[in-house]
Protein backbone atom coordinates (compact mmCIF):
# COMPACT_ATOMS: atom_id res chain seq x y z
CA MET A 1 79.40 94.41 111.38
CA LYS A 2 83.16 94.12 111.87
CA LYS A 3 85.41 93.73 114.90
CA LEU A 4 88.65 95.65 115.42
CA THR A 5 91.30 94.33 117.77
CA ALA A 6 94.27 96.65 118.29
CA ASP A 7 97.33 96.92 120.52
CA VAL A 8 98.80 100.41 120.87
CA PHE A 9 102.48 100.75 121.80
CA GLY A 10 104.33 103.79 123.12
CA ILE A 11 103.58 106.19 125.94
CA VAL A 12 99.88 105.41 126.15
CA GLN A 13 99.22 104.78 129.83
CA GLY A 14 98.70 107.56 132.37
CA VAL A 15 98.09 110.13 129.62
CA GLY A 16 94.31 109.89 129.10
CA PHE A 17 94.58 107.52 126.16
CA ARG A 18 91.68 105.25 127.15
CA TYR A 19 89.44 108.33 127.54
CA PHE A 20 90.63 109.51 124.11
CA VAL A 21 89.71 106.13 122.58
CA ASN A 22 86.22 106.32 124.08
CA GLN A 23 85.75 109.90 122.79
CA GLN A 24 86.86 108.94 119.28
CA ALA A 25 84.63 105.86 119.30
CA ASP A 26 81.62 107.92 120.38
CA PHE A 27 82.35 110.48 117.66
CA LEU A 28 82.58 107.74 115.02
CA GLY A 29 79.54 105.86 116.30
CA VAL A 30 81.34 102.63 117.20
CA ASP A 31 81.24 100.56 120.36
CA ALA A 32 84.75 100.36 121.84
CA CYS A 33 86.58 99.32 124.98
CA ALA A 34 90.19 100.20 125.84
CA GLU A 35 92.20 98.43 128.55
CA ASN A 36 95.65 99.08 130.00
CA MET A 37 97.81 95.99 129.76
CA PRO A 38 100.63 94.98 132.15
CA ASP A 39 103.26 95.42 129.41
CA GLY A 40 102.44 99.16 129.04
CA THR A 41 100.31 98.84 125.91
CA VAL A 42 96.63 99.65 125.51
CA HIS A 43 94.40 96.92 124.07
CA VAL A 44 91.37 98.13 122.10
CA VAL A 45 88.36 96.13 120.92
CA ALA A 46 85.74 97.92 118.83
CA TYR A 47 82.69 97.02 116.73
CA GLY A 48 81.31 98.93 113.75
CA ASP A 49 81.47 99.06 109.98
CA GLU A 50 84.87 98.75 108.37
CA GLY A 51 85.10 102.41 107.37
CA GLN A 52 84.42 103.57 110.93
CA LEU A 53 86.95 101.12 112.33
CA ARG A 54 89.64 102.28 109.89
CA GLN A 55 88.98 105.85 111.00
CA LEU A 56 89.41 104.71 114.61
CA VAL A 57 92.74 103.08 113.70
CA ALA A 58 93.87 106.41 112.20
CA ALA A 59 92.91 108.13 115.47
CA LEU A 60 94.80 105.49 117.48
CA ARG A 61 97.90 106.19 115.38
CA ARG A 62 97.59 109.96 116.02
CA GLY A 63 97.01 109.41 119.72
CA SER A 64 95.82 111.79 122.37
CA ARG A 65 97.45 115.11 123.16
CA PHE A 66 99.87 113.72 125.75
CA ALA A 67 100.42 110.26 124.26
CA LEU A 68 103.34 109.20 122.08
CA VAL A 69 102.17 106.35 119.86
CA LYS A 70 105.02 104.33 118.41
CA ARG A 71 103.08 101.49 116.79
CA VAL A 72 99.57 100.11 116.37
CA ASN A 73 99.10 96.42 115.59
CA TYR A 74 95.54 95.70 114.52
CA GLY A 75 93.22 93.35 112.74
CA ILE A 76 89.68 93.76 111.40
CA GLU A 77 87.46 90.72 110.99
CA ASP A 78 83.81 89.80 110.81
CA ALA A 79 82.18 90.17 114.22
CA PRO A 80 80.74 86.99 115.71
CA GLN A 81 76.98 86.81 115.49
């Protein structure tokens, strides 16, 4: 199992982005949590296999209908046991 940590920049708060992340995670079968940060970004932590997590990153880059994603910084590493 792998762990994804991502920070999403742009217009991603107040536009249903966290709900979008949860929907995408459910669809892909990964466990994810999205949190609004004070600097206007959304911080995402997700667990799954690497292929699923890369698909989630692609979804984060696309964003939700009303979001405007400018950048996604992310890392994928082995999940702690």
